Amino acid sequence: MTSLSGGSDNGGSATEPQPLVCARCGTEARSPQPTWTCSVENGTRQYICDKCSRENLRAIEGRLDSAWW
């Protein structure tokens, strides 16, 4: 039987989930936030809080790099 990587067969202990941190303003969320935006730029996953997402909605929809926001 084959298990996916990160499964319990590797003998390691489970790690605590890291809190989400907004890539724009640094706001921290302790639990998953369905209103936050997830962006992958240059292979790195970034999370953006709902406030920053609203402020930069046109740039996000226009698929501009966050450096241009």
C-alpha atoms as a PDB file:
ATOM      1  CA  MET A   1       0.000   0.000   0.000  1.00  0.00           C
ATOM      2  CA  THR A   2       1.251   3.478  -0.845  1.00  0.00           C
ATOM      3  CA  SER A   3       0.537   6.515   1.292  1.00  0.00           C
ATOM      4  CA  LEU A   4       0.704  10.156   0.341  1.00  0.00           C
ATOM      5  CA  SER A   5       3.617  12.197   1.610  1.00  0.00           C
ATOM      6  CA  GLY A   6       2.949  13.808   4.953  1.00  0.00           C
ATOM      7  CA  GLY A   7       0.949  10.828   6.140  1.00  0.00           C
ATOM      8  CA  SER A   8       1.234   9.176   9.537  1.00  0.00           C
ATOM      9  CA  ASP A   9       3.436   6.335   8.197  1.00  0.00           C
ATOM     10  CA  ASN A  10       6.606   8.440   8.342  1.00  0.00           C
ATOM     11  CA  GLY A  11       7.003   8.099  12.117  1.00  0.00           C
ATOM     12  CA  GLY A  12       7.162  11.860  12.710  1.00  0.00           C
ATOM     13  CA  SER A  13       4.901  13.808  14.996  1.00  0.00           C
ATOM     14  CA  ALA A  14       2.100  15.954  13.641  1.00  0.00           C
ATOM     15  CA  THR A  15       2.930  19.634  13.526  1.00  0.00           C
ATOM     16  CA  GLU A  16       0.648  22.382  14.713  1.00  0.00           C
ATOM     17  CA  PRO A  17      -0.917  24.379  11.869  1.00  0.00           C
ATOM     18  CA  GLN A  18       0.737  27.765  11.495  1.00  0.00           C
ATOM     19  CA  PRO A  19      -1.503  30.829  11.826  1.00  0.00           C
ATOM     20  CA  LEU A  20      -2.228  32.667   8.602  1.00  0.00           C
ATOM     21  CA  VAL A  21      -0.497  36.039   8.277  1.00  0.00           C
ATOM     22  CA  CYS A  22      -1.563  38.667   5.748  1.00  0.00           C
ATOM     23  CA  ALA A  23       1.239  39.297   3.248  1.00  0.00           C
ATOM     24  CA  ARG A  24       0.205  42.967   2.983  1.00  0.00           C
ATOM     25  CA  CYS A  25      -0.518  44.247   6.507  1.00  0.00           C
ATOM     26  CA  GLY A  26       0.677  41.434   8.795  1.00  0.00           C
ATOM     27  CA  THR A  27      -2.721  40.700  10.372  1.00  0.00           C
ATOM     28  CA  GLU A  28      -2.715  37.242  11.968  1.00  0.00           C
ATOM     29  CA  ALA A  29      -5.643  34.794  11.828  1.00  0.00           C
ATOM     30  CA  ARG A  30      -5.722  31.914  14.296  1.00  0.00           C
ATOM     31  CA  SER A  31      -8.211  29.806  12.339  1.00  0.00           C
ATOM     32  CA  PRO A  32      -8.920  29.335   8.609  1.00  0.00           C
ATOM     33  CA  GLN A  33     -10.601  32.416   7.180  1.00  0.00           C
ATOM     34  CA  PRO A  34     -12.946  31.838   4.220  1.00  0.00           C
ATOM     35  CA  THR A  35     -12.876  35.560   3.375  1.00  0.00           C
ATOM     36  CA  TRP A  36      -9.091  35.707   2.893  1.00  0.00           C
ATOM     37  CA  THR A  37      -7.483  35.538  -0.565  1.00  0.00           C
ATOM     38  CA  CYS A  38      -4.758  33.032  -1.414  1.00  0.00           C
ATOM     39  CA  SER A  39      -2.250  34.006  -4.093  1.00  0.00           C
ATOM     40  CA  VAL A  40       0.705  32.073  -5.500  1.00  0.00           C
ATOM     41  CA  GLU A  41       3.482  34.350  -6.732  1.00  0.00           C
ATOM     42  CA  ASN A  42       6.865  33.022  -7.862  1.00  0.00           C
ATOM     43  CA  GLY A  43       5.974  29.624  -6.385  1.00  0.00           C
ATOM     44  CA  THR A  44       5.231  31.066  -2.929  1.00  0.00           C
ATOM     45  CA  ARG A  45       1.756  30.908  -1.411  1.00  0.00           C
ATOM     46  CA  GLN A  46       0.633  34.199   0.153  1.00  0.00           C
ATOM     47  CA  TYR A  47      -2.531  34.961   2.086  1.00  0.00           C
ATOM     48  CA  ILE A  48      -4.231  38.362   2.008  1.00  0.00           C
ATOM     49  CA  CYS A  49      -6.793  39.426   4.623  1.00  0.00           C
ATOM     50  CA  ASP A  50     -10.287  40.501   3.633  1.00  0.00           C
ATOM     51  CA  LYS A  51      -9.561  44.202   4.293  1.00  0.00           C
ATOM     52  CA  CYS A  52      -6.471  44.256   2.047  1.00  0.00           C
ATOM     53  CA  SER A  53      -8.305  42.157  -0.559  1.00  0.00           C
ATOM     54  CA  ARG A  54     -11.133  44.714  -0.736  1.00  0.00           C
ATOM     55  CA  GLU A  55      -8.676  47.623  -0.977  1.00  0.00           C
ATOM     56  CA  ASN A  56      -6.820  45.971  -3.875  1.00  0.00           C
ATOM     57  CA  LEU A  57      -9.675  44.152  -5.620  1.00  0.00           C
ATOM     58  CA  ARG A  58      -9.092  45.695  -9.062  1.00  0.00           C
ATOM     59  CA  ALA A  59      -5.393  44.813  -8.996  1.00  0.00           C
ATOM     60  CA  ILE A  60      -6.177  41.250  -7.884  1.00  0.00           C
ATOM     61  CA  GLU A  61      -8.789  40.773 -10.625  1.00  0.00           C
ATOM     62  CA  GLY A  62      -6.378  42.310 -13.147  1.00  0.00           C
ATOM     63  CA  ARG A  63      -3.787  39.725 -12.039  1.00  0.00           C
ATOM     64  CA  LEU A  64      -1.176  42.371 -11.301  1.00  0.00           C
ATOM     65  CA  ASP A  65       1.815  41.311  -9.225  1.00  0.00           C
ATOM     66  CA  SER A  66       1.413  42.459  -5.633  1.00  0.00           C
ATOM     67  CA  ALA A  67       4.478  44.696  -6.107  1.00  0.00           C
ATOM     68  CA  TRP A  68       2.268  46.922  -8.316  1.00  0.00           C
ATOM     69  CA  TRP A  69      -0.520  47.279  -5.739  1.00  0.00           C
END
